[in-house]
Amino acid sequence: MNDNLTETAPPGGIDYIAVEESPAFVELKRRHRSFVFPLAAIFLVWYFVYVLLSSFAPAFMAQRVWGDVTIGLLLGLGQFVTTFAITMWYVWYANHRLDPASARIRDELEKQEAGA
């Protein structure tokens, strides 16, 4: 495993296998996966709970909260709210944690390519 992105590249290019195995890239993948996978799992559970309640607990979902607004309607709207919230959270996370790390890797690769 190569620890440095600037180690010897194959003739005419960048050794992308070495880049993929570099500590910086491994850390970038770890950060991405540690954010995306748990959040995706939580959202899928929340979504399937909503679908299952709709199918198997219609009396619960039909309970009125106020006027014609039911629990099912509120949970359905909650799906949209959580989707937008997760998107905004991911954008913030990517801007602050992923993009700086990927920019450093990209800068290193561009320097390596310019030197080739």
PDB file of N, CA and C in Angstrom:
ATOM      1  N   MET A   1       0.850  -1.179   0.000  1.00  0.00           N
ATOM      2  CA  MET A   1       0.000   0.000   0.000  1.00  0.00           C
ATOM      3  C   MET A   1       0.888   1.232   0.000  1.00  0.00           C
ATOM      4  N   ASN A   2       0.592   2.178  -0.892  1.00  0.00           N
ATOM      5  CA  ASN A   2       1.354   3.416  -0.978  1.00  0.00           C
ATOM      6  C   ASN A   2       0.788   4.436  -0.015  1.00  0.00           C
ATOM      7  N   ASP A   3       1.659   5.067   0.779  1.00  0.00           N
ATOM      8  CA  ASP A   3       1.214   6.050   1.753  1.00  0.00           C
ATOM      9  C   ASP A   3       1.247   7.454   1.195  1.00  0.00           C
ATOM     10  N   ASN A   4       1.820   7.651   0.029  1.00  0.00           N
ATOM     11  CA  ASN A   4       1.990   8.986  -0.513  1.00  0.00           C
ATOM     12  C   ASN A   4       1.415   9.028  -1.913  1.00  0.00           C
ATOM     13  N   LEU A   5       0.613  10.047  -2.190  1.00  0.00           N
ATOM     14  CA  LEU A   5      -0.009  10.165  -3.503  1.00  0.00           C
ATOM     15  C   LEU A   5       1.004  10.492  -4.594  1.00  0.00           C
ATOM     16  N   THR A   6       2.170  10.998  -4.196  1.00  0.00           N
ATOM     17  CA  THR A   6       3.138  11.429  -5.192  1.00  0.00           C
ATOM     18  C   THR A   6       4.188  10.365  -5.494  1.00  0.00           C
ATOM     19  N   GLU A   7       3.980   9.134  -5.017  1.00  0.00           N
ATOM     20  CA  GLU A   7       4.940   8.079  -5.333  1.00  0.00           C
ATOM     21  C   GLU A   7       4.904   7.804  -6.823  1.00  0.00           C
ATOM     22  N   THR A   8       5.769   6.977  -7.300  1.00  0.00           N
ATOM     23  CA  THR A   8       5.929   6.757  -8.726  1.00  0.00           C
ATOM     24  C   THR A   8       4.638   6.288  -9.371  1.00  0.00           C
ATOM     25  N   ALA A   9       4.280   6.971 -10.430  1.00  0.00           N
ATOM     26  CA  ALA A   9       3.085   6.636 -11.197  1.00  0.00           C
ATOM     27  C   ALA A   9       3.504   5.831 -12.413  1.00  0.00           C
ATOM     28  N   PRO A  10       2.594   5.088 -12.993  1.00  0.00           N
ATOM     29  CA  PRO A  10       2.925   4.371 -14.205  1.00  0.00           C
ATOM     30  C   PRO A  10       3.231   5.363 -15.323  1.00  0.00           C
ATOM     31  N   PRO A  11       3.937   4.933 -16.344  1.00  0.00           N
ATOM     32  CA  PRO A  11       4.280   5.850 -17.436  1.00  0.00           C
ATOM     33  C   PRO A  11       3.031   6.494 -18.027  1.00  0.00           C
ATOM     34  N   GLY A  12       3.075   7.818 -18.149  1.00  0.00           N
ATOM     35  CA  GLY A  12       1.990   8.548 -18.796  1.00  0.00           C
ATOM     36  C   GLY A  12       0.772   8.794 -17.947  1.00  0.00           C
ATOM     37  N   GLY A  13       0.838   8.659 -16.640  1.00  0.00           N
ATOM     38  CA  GLY A  13      -0.364   8.925 -15.877  1.00  0.00           C
ATOM     39  C   GLY A  13      -0.219   8.744 -14.386  1.00  0.00           C
ATOM     40  N   ILE A  14      -1.365   8.766 -13.761  1.00  0.00           N
ATOM     41  CA  ILE A  14      -1.447   8.670 -12.303  1.00  0.00           C
ATOM     42  C   ILE A  14      -1.785   7.231 -11.934  1.00  0.00           C
ATOM     43  N   ASP A  15      -1.182   6.753 -10.881  1.00  0.00           N
ATOM     44  CA  ASP A  15      -1.473   5.415 -10.367  1.00  0.00           C
ATOM     45  C   ASP A  15      -2.719   5.511  -9.479  1.00  0.00           C
ATOM     46  N   TYR A  16      -3.880   5.291 -10.095  1.00  0.00           N
ATOM     47  CA  TYR A  16      -5.137   5.460  -9.371  1.00  0.00           C
ATOM     48  C   TYR A  16      -5.354   4.392  -8.311  1.00  0.00           C
ATOM     49  N   ILE A  17      -4.745   3.242  -8.472  1.00  0.00           N
ATOM     50  CA  ILE A  17      -4.840   2.214  -7.427  1.00  0.00           C
ATOM     51  C   ILE A  17      -4.133   2.716  -6.167  1.00  0.00           C
ATOM     52  N   ALA A  18      -2.969   3.340  -6.351  1.00  0.00           N
ATOM     53  CA  ALA A  18      -2.239   3.900  -5.201  1.00  0.00           C
ATOM     54  C   ALA A  18      -3.047   5.022  -4.557  1.00  0.00           C
ATOM     55  N   VAL A  19      -3.715   5.824  -5.366  1.00  0.00           N
ATOM     56  CA  VAL A  19      -4.555   6.908  -4.831  1.00  0.00           C
ATOM     57  C   VAL A  19      -5.687   6.310  -4.006  1.00  0.00           C
ATOM     58  N   GLU A  20      -6.336   5.291  -4.551  1.00  0.00           N
ATOM     59  CA  GLU A  20      -7.452   4.662  -3.847  1.00  0.00           C
ATOM     60  C   GLU A  20      -7.017   4.028  -2.527  1.00  0.00           C
ATOM     61  N   GLU A  21      -5.785   3.552  -2.458  1.00  0.00           N
ATOM     62  CA  GLU A  21      -5.282   2.919  -1.246  1.00  0.00           C
ATOM     63  C   GLU A  21      -4.593   3.897  -0.299  1.00  0.00           C
ATOM     64  N   SER A  22      -4.474   5.151  -0.700  1.00  0.00           N
ATOM     65  CA  SER A  22      -3.793   6.139   0.140  1.00  0.00           C
ATOM     66  C   SER A  22      -4.610   6.425   1.399  1.00  0.00           C
ATOM     67  N   PRO A  23      -3.939   6.759   2.497  1.00  0.00           N
ATOM     68  CA  PRO A  23      -4.663   7.062   3.745  1.00  0.00           C
ATOM     69  C   PRO A  23      -5.672   8.204   3.592  1.00  0.00           C
ATOM     70  N   ALA A  24      -5.341   9.207   2.802  1.00  0.00           N
ATOM     71  CA  ALA A  24      -6.251  10.345   2.629  1.00  0.00           C
ATOM     72  C   ALA A  24      -7.546   9.907   1.954  1.00  0.00           C
ATOM     73  N   PHE A  25      -7.440   9.077   0.923  1.00  0.00           N
ATOM     74  CA  PHE A  25      -8.625   8.625   0.204  1.00  0.00           C
ATOM     75  C   PHE A  25      -9.429   7.639   1.045  1.00  0.00           C
ATOM     76  N   VAL A  26      -8.746   6.753   1.750  1.00  0.00           N
ATOM     77  CA  VAL A  26      -9.428   5.799   2.634  1.00  0.00           C
ATOM     78  C   VAL A  26     -10.213   6.559   3.708  1.00  0.00           C
ATOM     79  N   GLU A  27      -9.622   7.605   4.258  1.00  0.00           N
ATOM     80  CA  GLU A  27     -10.306   8.419   5.268  1.00  0.00           C
ATOM     81  C   GLU A  27     -11.514   9.139   4.667  1.00  0.00           C
ATOM     82  N   LEU A  28     -11.381   9.639   3.451  1.00  0.00           N
ATOM     83  CA  LEU A  28     -12.493  10.301   2.770  1.00  0.00           C
ATOM     84  C   LEU A  28     -13.655   9.316   2.581  1.00  0.00           C
ATOM     85  N   LYS A  29     -13.373   8.113   2.126  1.00  0.00           N
ATOM     86  CA  LYS A  29     -14.421   7.099   1.965  1.00  0.00           C
ATOM     87  C   LYS A  29     -15.045   6.747   3.312  1.00  0.00           C
ATOM     88  N   ARG A  30     -14.218   6.635   4.358  1.00  0.00           N
ATOM     89  CA  ARG A  30     -14.740   6.311   5.687  1.00  0.00           C
ATOM     90  C   ARG A  30     -15.691   7.391   6.179  1.00  0.00           C
ATOM     91  N   ARG A  31     -15.295   8.647   6.014  1.00  0.00           N
ATOM     92  CA  ARG A  31     -16.164   9.758   6.436  1.00  0.00           C
ATOM     93  C   ARG A  31     -17.489   9.738   5.691  1.00  0.00           C
ATOM     94  N   HIS A  32     -17.423   9.516   4.396  1.00  0.00           N
ATOM     95  CA  HIS A  32     -18.635   9.504   3.581  1.00  0.00           C
ATOM     96  C   HIS A  32     -19.560   8.364   4.021  1.00  0.00           C
ATOM     97  N   ARG A  33     -19.001   7.182   4.113  1.00  0.00           N
ATOM     98  CA  ARG A  33     -19.815   6.021   4.483  1.00  0.00           C
ATOM     99  C   ARG A  33     -20.356   6.112   5.905  1.00  0.00           C
ATOM    100  N   SER A  34     -19.577   6.653   6.819  1.00  0.00           N
ATOM    101  CA  SER A  34     -20.039   6.738   8.205  1.00  0.00           C
ATOM    102  C   SER A  34     -21.192   7.734   8.358  1.00  0.00           C
ATOM    103  N   PHE A  35     -21.346   8.629   7.399  1.00  0.00           N
ATOM    104  CA  PHE A  35     -22.479   9.552   7.421  1.00  0.00           C
ATOM    105  C   PHE A  35     -23.660   8.985   6.641  1.00  0.00           C
ATOM    106  N   VAL A  36     -23.406   8.523   5.429  1.00  0.00           N
ATOM    107  CA  VAL A  36     -24.481   8.141   4.521  1.00  0.00           C
ATOM    108  C   VAL A  36     -25.181   6.844   4.932  1.00  0.00           C
ATOM    109  N   PHE A  37     -24.439   5.805   5.253  1.00  0.00           N
ATOM    110  CA  PHE A  37     -25.073   4.516   5.525  1.00  0.00           C
ATOM    111  C   PHE A  37     -25.997   4.541   6.738  1.00  0.00           C
ATOM    112  N   PRO A  38     -25.572   5.053   7.896  1.00  0.00           N
ATOM    113  CA  PRO A  38     -26.509   5.079   9.032  1.00  0.00           C
ATOM    114  C   PRO A  38     -27.738   5.954   8.765  1.00  0.00           C
ATOM    115  N   LEU A  39     -27.519   7.098   8.130  1.00  0.00           N
ATOM    116  CA  LEU A  39     -28.642   7.987   7.863  1.00  0.00           C
ATOM    117  C   LEU A  39     -29.616   7.365   6.866  1.00  0.00           C
ATOM    118  N   ALA A  40     -29.095   6.691   5.855  1.00  0.00           N
ATOM    119  CA  ALA A  40     -29.964   6.006   4.891  1.00  0.00           C
ATOM    120  C   ALA A  40     -30.753   4.896   5.577  1.00  0.00           C
ATOM    121  N   ALA A  41     -30.111   4.147   6.454  1.00  0.00           N
ATOM    122  CA  ALA A  41     -30.806   3.076   7.163  1.00  0.00           C
ATOM    123  C   ALA A  41     -31.920   3.623   8.044  1.00  0.00           C
ATOM    124  N   ILE A  42     -31.624   4.690   8.767  1.00  0.00           N
ATOM    125  CA  ILE A  42     -32.639   5.304   9.636  1.00  0.00           C
ATOM    126  C   ILE A  42     -33.819   5.818   8.812  1.00  0.00           C
ATOM    127  N   PHE A  43     -33.514   6.484   7.685  1.00  0.00           N
ATOM    128  CA  PHE A  43     -34.599   7.004   6.862  1.00  0.00           C
ATOM    129  C   PHE A  43     -35.432   5.877   6.264  1.00  0.00           C
ATOM    130  N   LEU A  44     -34.791   4.803   5.817  1.00  0.00           N
ATOM    131  CA  LEU A  44     -35.552   3.690   5.251  1.00  0.00           C
ATOM    132  C   LEU A  44     -36.455   3.038   6.293  1.00  0.00           C
ATOM    133  N   VAL A  45     -35.968   2.906   7.519  1.00  0.00           N
ATOM    134  CA  VAL A  45     -36.816   2.369   8.591  1.00  0.00           C
ATOM    135  C   VAL A  45     -38.011   3.282   8.804  1.00  0.00           C
ATOM    136  N   TRP A  46     -37.785   4.583   8.875  1.00  0.00           N
ATOM    137  CA  TRP A  46     -38.859   5.567   9.064  1.00  0.00           C
ATOM    138  C   TRP A  46     -39.858   5.482   7.914  1.00  0.00           C
ATOM    139  N   TYR A  47     -39.367   5.346   6.680  1.00  0.00           N
ATOM    140  CA  TYR A  47     -40.243   5.253   5.518  1.00  0.00           C
ATOM    141  C   TYR A  47     -41.086   3.971   5.578  1.00  0.00           C
ATOM    142  N   PHE A  48     -40.444   2.826   5.864  1.00  0.00           N
ATOM    143  CA  PHE A  48     -41.185   1.570   5.894  1.00  0.00           C
ATOM    144  C   PHE A  48     -42.169   1.508   7.059  1.00  0.00           C
ATOM    145  N   VAL A  49     -41.859   2.139   8.167  1.00  0.00           N
ATOM    146  CA  VAL A  49     -42.827   2.229   9.266  1.00  0.00           C
ATOM    147  C   VAL A  49     -44.066   2.980   8.793  1.00  0.00           C
ATOM    148  N   TYR A  50     -43.859   4.065   8.063  1.00  0.00           N
ATOM    149  CA  TYR A  50     -44.981   4.843   7.509  1.00  0.00           C
ATOM    150  C   TYR A  50     -45.819   3.988   6.553  1.00  0.00           C
ATOM    151  N   VAL A  51     -45.155   3.290   5.648  1.00  0.00           N
ATOM    152  CA  VAL A  51     -45.866   2.446   4.683  1.00  0.00           C
ATOM    153  C   VAL A  51     -46.618   1.329   5.400  1.00  0.00           C
ATOM    154  N   LEU A  52     -45.976   0.685   6.355  1.00  0.00           N
ATOM    155  CA  LEU A  52     -46.632  -0.402   7.082  1.00  0.00           C
ATOM    156  C   LEU A  52     -47.818   0.102   7.910  1.00  0.00           C
ATOM    157  N   LEU A  53     -47.662   1.252   8.539  1.00  0.00           N
ATOM    158  CA  LEU A  53     -48.792   1.828   9.277  1.00  0.00           C
ATOM    159  C   LEU A  53     -49.946   2.140   8.336  1.00  0.00           C
ATOM    160  N   SER A  54     -49.628   2.647   7.153  1.00  0.00           N
ATOM    161  CA  SER A  54     -50.677   2.946   6.173  1.00  0.00           C
ATOM    162  C   SER A  54     -51.434   1.697   5.771  1.00  0.00           C
ATOM    163  N   SER A  55     -50.710   0.598   5.648  1.00  0.00           N
ATOM    164  CA  SER A  55     -51.329  -0.644   5.186  1.00  0.00           C
ATOM    165  C   SER A  55     -52.026  -1.423   6.294  1.00  0.00           C
ATOM    166  N   PHE A  56     -51.403  -1.452   7.470  1.00  0.00           N
ATOM    167  CA  PHE A  56     -51.893  -2.353   8.512  1.00  0.00           C
ATOM    168  C   PHE A  56     -52.509  -1.655   9.729  1.00  0.00           C
ATOM    169  N   ALA A  57     -52.452  -0.336   9.770  1.00  0.00           N
ATOM    170  CA  ALA A  57     -53.075   0.390  10.886  1.00  0.00           C
ATOM    171  C   ALA A  57     -53.866   1.597  10.360  1.00  0.00           C
ATOM    172  N   PRO A  58     -54.817   1.336   9.462  1.00  0.00           N
ATOM    173  CA  PRO A  58     -55.551   2.466   8.875  1.00  0.00           C
ATOM    174  C   PRO A  58     -56.367   3.252   9.902  1.00  0.00           C
ATOM    175  N   ALA A  59     -56.847   2.584  10.943  1.00  0.00           N
ATOM    176  CA  ALA A  59     -57.617   3.301  11.965  1.00  0.00           C
ATOM    177  C   ALA A  59     -56.721   4.297  12.703  1.00  0.00           C
ATOM    178  N   PHE A  60     -55.497   3.865  12.998  1.00  0.00           N
ATOM    179  CA  PHE A  60     -54.538   4.774  13.647  1.00  0.00           C
ATOM    180  C   PHE A  60     -54.214   5.949  12.735  1.00  0.00           C
ATOM    181  N   MET A  61     -53.931   5.656  11.475  1.00  0.00           N
ATOM    182  CA  MET A  61     -53.550   6.707  10.534  1.00  0.00           C
ATOM    183  C   MET A  61     -54.710   7.668  10.253  1.00  0.00           C
ATOM    184  N   ALA A  62     -55.942   7.208  10.426  1.00  0.00           N
ATOM    185  CA  ALA A  62     -57.117   8.036  10.140  1.00  0.00           C
ATOM    186  C   ALA A  62     -57.550   8.895  11.319  1.00  0.00           C
ATOM    187  N   GLN A  63     -56.896   8.745  12.456  1.00  0.00           N
ATOM    188  CA  GLN A  63     -57.274   9.550  13.619  1.00  0.00           C
ATOM    189  C   GLN A  63     -57.065  11.029  13.313  1.00  0.00           C
ATOM    190  N   ARG A  64     -58.056  11.793  13.592  1.00  0.00           N
ATOM    191  CA  ARG A  64     -57.980  13.240  13.331  1.00  0.00           C
ATOM    192  C   ARG A  64     -57.202  13.932  14.446  1.00  0.00           C
ATOM    193  N   VAL A  65     -56.333  14.839  14.021  1.00  0.00           N
ATOM    194  CA  VAL A  65     -55.552  15.625  14.971  1.00  0.00           C
ATOM    195  C   VAL A  65     -56.278  16.939  15.204  1.00  0.00           C
ATOM    196  N   TRP A  66     -56.635  17.615  14.133  1.00  0.00           N
ATOM    197  CA  TRP A  66     -57.514  18.779  14.183  1.00  0.00           C
ATOM    198  C   TRP A  66     -58.151  18.946  12.818  1.00  0.00           C
ATOM    199  N   GLY A  67     -59.427  19.226  12.802  1.00  0.00           N
ATOM    200  CA  GLY A  67     -60.172  19.351  11.542  1.00  0.00           C
ATOM    201  C   GLY A  67     -60.039  18.078  10.719  1.00  0.00           C
ATOM    202  N   ASP A  68     -59.688  18.249   9.445  1.00  0.00           N
ATOM    203  CA  ASP A  68     -59.502  17.105   8.548  1.00  0.00           C
ATOM    204  C   ASP A  68     -58.059  16.612   8.508  1.00  0.00           C
ATOM    205  N   VAL A  69     -57.219  17.131   9.361  1.00  0.00           N
ATOM    206  CA  VAL A  69     -55.812  16.717   9.400  1.00  0.00           C
ATOM    207  C   VAL A  69     -55.695  15.459  10.252  1.00  0.00           C
ATOM    208  N   THR A  70     -55.140  14.403   9.634  1.00  0.00           N
ATOM    209  CA  THR A  70     -55.016  13.116  10.321  1.00  0.00           C
ATOM    210  C   THR A  70     -53.550  12.825  10.646  1.00  0.00           C
ATOM    211  N   ILE A  71     -53.358  11.812  11.472  1.00  0.00           N
ATOM    212  CA  ILE A  71     -52.001  11.370  11.795  1.00  0.00           C
ATOM    213  C   ILE A  71     -51.286  10.927  10.520  1.00  0.00           C
ATOM    214  N   GLY A  72     -51.974  10.215   9.649  1.00  0.00           N
ATOM    215  CA  GLY A  72     -51.382   9.759   8.388  1.00  0.00           C
ATOM    216  C   GLY A  72     -50.902  10.911   7.531  1.00  0.00           C
ATOM    217  N   LEU A  73     -51.692  11.970   7.461  1.00  0.00           N
ATOM    218  CA  LEU A  73     -51.294  13.146   6.686  1.00  0.00           C
ATOM    219  C   LEU A  73     -50.056  13.797   7.292  1.00  0.00           C
ATOM    220  N   LEU A  74     -50.022  13.927   8.603  1.00  0.00           N
ATOM    221  CA  LEU A  74     -48.857  14.523   9.258  1.00  0.00           C
ATOM    222  C   LEU A  74     -47.601  13.675   9.055  1.00  0.00           C
ATOM    223  N   LEU A  75     -47.749  12.353   9.178  1.00  0.00           N
ATOM    224  CA  LEU A  75     -46.589  11.486   8.954  1.00  0.00           C
ATOM    225  C   LEU A  75     -46.139  11.532   7.498  1.00  0.00           C
ATOM    226  N   GLY A  76     -47.082  11.609   6.577  1.00  0.00           N
ATOM    227  CA  GLY A  76     -46.734  11.728   5.156  1.00  0.00           C
ATOM    228  C   GLY A  76     -45.994  13.019   4.861  1.00  0.00           C
ATOM    229  N   LEU A  77     -46.465  14.108   5.414  1.00  0.00           N
ATOM    230  CA  LEU A  77     -45.758  15.384   5.254  1.00  0.00           C
ATOM    231  C   LEU A  77     -44.397  15.336   5.939  1.00  0.00           C
ATOM    232  N   GLY A  78     -44.334  14.588   7.049  1.00  0.00           N
ATOM    233  CA  GLY A  78     -43.055  14.403   7.737  1.00  0.00           C
ATOM    234  C   GLY A  78     -42.018  13.719   6.860  1.00  0.00           C
ATOM    235  N   GLN A  79     -42.457  12.870   5.935  1.00  0.00           N
ATOM    236  CA  GLN A  79     -41.543  12.236   4.996  1.00  0.00           C
ATOM    237  C   GLN A  79     -40.848  13.300   4.136  1.00  0.00           C
ATOM    238  N   PHE A  80     -41.613  14.270   3.655  1.00  0.00           N
ATOM    239  CA  PHE A  80     -41.025  15.344   2.854  1.00  0.00           C
ATOM    240  C   PHE A  80     -40.075  16.193   3.686  1.00  0.00           C
ATOM    241  N   VAL A  81     -40.503  16.516   4.897  1.00  0.00           N
ATOM    242  CA  VAL A  81     -39.668  17.346   5.776  1.00  0.00           C
ATOM    243  C   VAL A  81     -38.345  16.651   6.073  1.00  0.00           C
ATOM    244  N   THR A  82     -38.404  15.359   6.404  1.00  0.00           N
ATOM    245  CA  THR A  82     -37.155  14.659   6.717  1.00  0.00           C
ATOM    246  C   THR A  82     -36.273  14.508   5.482  1.00  0.00           C
ATOM    247  N   THR A  83     -36.876  14.338   4.313  1.00  0.00           N
ATOM    248  CA  THR A  83     -36.080  14.259   3.088  1.00  0.00           C
ATOM    249  C   THR A  83     -35.307  15.552   2.867  1.00  0.00           C
ATOM    250  N   PHE A  84     -35.970  16.683   2.997  1.00  0.00           N
ATOM    251  CA  PHE A  84     -35.293  17.966   2.824  1.00  0.00           C
ATOM    252  C   PHE A  84     -34.263  18.207   3.932  1.00  0.00           C
ATOM    253  N   ALA A  85     -34.600  17.827   5.156  1.00  0.00           N
ATOM    254  CA  ALA A  85     -33.659  18.013   6.268  1.00  0.00           C
ATOM    255  C   ALA A  85     -32.400  17.174   6.066  1.00  0.00           C
ATOM    256  N   ILE A  86     -32.574  15.924   5.646  1.00  0.00           N
ATOM    257  CA  ILE A  86     -31.416  15.066   5.395  1.00  0.00           C
ATOM    258  C   ILE A  86     -30.570  15.642   4.268  1.00  0.00           C
ATOM    259  N   THR A  87     -31.224  16.126   3.221  1.00  0.00           N
ATOM    260  CA  THR A  87     -30.491  16.723   2.098  1.00  0.00           C
ATOM    261  C   THR A  87     -29.680  17.919   2.550  1.00  0.00           C
ATOM    262  N   MET A  88     -30.290  18.796   3.321  1.00  0.00           N
ATOM    263  CA  MET A  88     -29.565  19.984   3.799  1.00  0.00           C
ATOM    264  C   MET A  88     -28.425  19.583   4.728  1.00  0.00           C
ATOM    265  N   TRP A  89     -28.663  18.603   5.583  1.00  0.00           N
ATOM    266  CA  TRP A  89     -27.617  18.133   6.491  1.00  0.00           C
ATOM    267  C   TRP A  89     -26.459  17.536   5.707  1.00  0.00           C
ATOM    268  N   TYR A  90     -26.765  16.726   4.664  1.00  0.00           N
ATOM    269  CA  TYR A  90     -25.713  16.128   3.856  1.00  0.00           C
ATOM    270  C   TYR A  90     -24.911  17.204   3.117  1.00  0.00           C
ATOM    271  N   VAL A  91     -25.579  18.195   2.574  1.00  0.00           N
ATOM    272  CA  VAL A  91     -24.881  19.288   1.872  1.00  0.00           C
ATOM    273  C   VAL A  91     -23.940  19.998   2.837  1.00  0.00           C
ATOM    274  N   TRP A  92     -24.422  20.283   4.049  1.00  0.00           N
ATOM    275  CA  TRP A  92     -23.560  20.926   5.043  1.00  0.00           C
ATOM    276  C   TRP A  92     -22.367  20.027   5.363  1.00  0.00           C
ATOM    277  N   TYR A  93     -22.638  18.751   5.605  1.00  0.00           N
ATOM    278  CA  TYR A  93     -21.577  17.802   5.948  1.00  0.00           C
ATOM    279  C   TYR A  93     -20.551  17.702   4.813  1.00  0.00           C
ATOM    280  N   ALA A  94     -21.037  17.579   3.591  1.00  0.00           N
ATOM    281  CA  ALA A  94     -20.130  17.473   2.444  1.00  0.00           C
ATOM    282  C   ALA A  94     -19.290  18.734   2.304  1.00  0.00           C
ATOM    283  N   ASN A  95     -19.905  19.886   2.465  1.00  0.00           N
ATOM    284  CA  ASN A  95     -19.163  21.153   2.338  1.00  0.00           C
ATOM    285  C   ASN A  95     -18.084  21.300   3.404  1.00  0.00           C
ATOM    286  N   HIS A  96     -18.348  20.817   4.601  1.00  0.00           N
ATOM    287  CA  HIS A  96     -17.417  21.019   5.712  1.00  0.00           C
ATOM    288  C   HIS A  96     -16.463  19.861   5.970  1.00  0.00           C
ATOM    289  N   ARG A  97     -16.856  18.634   5.626  1.00  0.00           N
ATOM    290  CA  ARG A  97     -16.029  17.477   5.969  1.00  0.00           C
ATOM    291  C   ARG A  97     -15.484  16.732   4.753  1.00  0.00           C
ATOM    292  N   LEU A  98     -16.269  16.645   3.681  1.00  0.00           N
ATOM    293  CA  LEU A  98     -15.838  15.852   2.527  1.00  0.00           C
ATOM    294  C   LEU A  98     -15.112  16.687   1.479  1.00  0.00           C
ATOM    295  N   ASP A  99     -15.667  17.842   1.147  1.00  0.00           N
ATOM    296  CA  ASP A  99     -15.077  18.660   0.084  1.00  0.00           C
ATOM    297  C   ASP A  99     -13.655  19.124   0.388  1.00  0.00           C
ATOM    298  N   PRO A 100     -13.347  19.564   1.615  1.00  0.00           N
ATOM    299  CA  PRO A 100     -11.954  19.951   1.878  1.00  0.00           C
ATOM    300  C   PRO A 100     -10.979  18.787   1.699  1.00  0.00           C
ATOM    301  N   ALA A 101     -11.369  17.603   2.144  1.00  0.00           N
ATOM    302  CA  ALA A 101     -10.494  16.432   1.993  1.00  0.00           C
ATOM    303  C   ALA A 101     -10.339  16.057   0.531  1.00  0.00           C
ATOM    304  N   SER A 102     -11.424  16.093  -0.221  1.00  0.00           N
ATOM    305  CA  SER A 102     -11.317  15.746  -1.641  1.00  0.00           C
ATOM    306  C   SER A 102     -10.539  16.809  -2.411  1.00  0.00           C
ATOM    307  N   ALA A 103     -10.641  18.061  -1.998  1.00  0.00           N
ATOM    308  CA  ALA A 103      -9.861  19.122  -2.652  1.00  0.00           C
ATOM    309  C   ALA A 103      -8.368  18.910  -2.431  1.00  0.00           C
ATOM    310  N   ARG A 104      -7.994  18.491  -1.222  1.00  0.00           N
ATOM    311  CA  ARG A 104      -6.574  18.207  -0.966  1.00  0.00           C
ATOM    312  C   ARG A 104      -6.070  17.062  -1.843  1.00  0.00           C
ATOM    313  N   ILE A 105      -6.869  16.022  -1.981  1.00  0.00           N
ATOM    314  CA  ILE A 105      -6.487  14.892  -2.834  1.00  0.00           C
ATOM    315  C   ILE A 105      -6.381  15.348  -4.288  1.00  0.00           C
ATOM    316  N   ARG A 106      -7.370  16.098  -4.749  1.00  0.00           N
ATOM    317  CA  ARG A 106      -7.360  16.604  -6.121  1.00  0.00           C
ATOM    318  C   ARG A 106      -6.151  17.491  -6.381  1.00  0.00           C
ATOM    319  N   ASP A 107      -5.831  18.390  -5.437  1.00  0.00           N
ATOM    320  CA  ASP A 107      -4.668  19.268  -5.600  1.00  0.00           C
ATOM    321  C   ASP A 107      -3.384  18.450  -5.716  1.00  0.00           C
ATOM    322  N   GLU A 108      -3.274  17.430  -4.888  1.00  0.00           N
ATOM    323  CA  GLU A 108      -2.087  16.561  -4.932  1.00  0.00           C
ATOM    324  C   GLU A 108      -1.980  15.844  -6.280  1.00  0.00           C
ATOM    325  N   LEU A 109      -3.123  15.372  -6.798  1.00  0.00           N
ATOM    326  CA  LEU A 109      -3.121  14.690  -8.085  1.00  0.00           C
ATOM    327  C   LEU A 109      -2.799  15.651  -9.226  1.00  0.00           C
ATOM    328  N   GLU A 110      -3.307  16.864  -9.137  1.00  0.00           N
ATOM    329  CA  GLU A 110      -3.020  17.854 -10.181  1.00  0.00           C
ATOM    330  C   GLU A 110      -1.545  18.227 -10.182  1.00  0.00           C
ATOM    331  N   LYS A 111      -0.961  18.333  -8.993  1.00  0.00           N
ATOM    332  CA  LYS A 111       0.489  18.591  -8.920  1.00  0.00           C
ATOM    333  C   LYS A 111       1.269  17.434  -9.527  1.00  0.00           C
ATOM    334  N   GLN A 112       0.837  16.217  -9.207  1.00  0.00           N
ATOM    335  CA  GLN A 112       1.511  15.040  -9.739  1.00  0.00           C
ATOM    336  C   GLN A 112       1.386  14.994 -11.256  1.00  0.00           C
ATOM    337  N   GLU A 113       0.194  15.317 -11.766  1.00  0.00           N
ATOM    338  CA  GLU A 113      -0.009  15.289 -13.202  1.00  0.00           C
ATOM    339  C   GLU A 113       0.784  16.378 -13.911  1.00  0.00           C
ATOM    340  N   ALA A 114       0.890  17.532 -13.296  1.00  0.00           N
ATOM    341  CA  ALA A 114       1.662  18.635 -13.889  1.00  0.00           C
ATOM    342  C   ALA A 114       3.159  18.288 -13.931  1.00  0.00           C
ATOM    343  N   GLY A 115       3.607  17.511 -12.967  1.00  0.00           N
ATOM    344  CA  GLY A 115       5.016  17.120 -12.925  1.00  0.00           C
ATOM    345  C   GLY A 115       5.347  15.988 -13.870  1.00  0.00           C
ATOM    346  N   ALA A 116       4.314  15.330 -14.423  1.00  0.00           N
ATOM    347  CA  ALA A 116       4.551  14.174 -15.303  1.00  0.00           C
ATOM    348  C   ALA A 116       4.955  14.587 -16.696  1.00  0.00           C
TER     349      ALA A 116
END
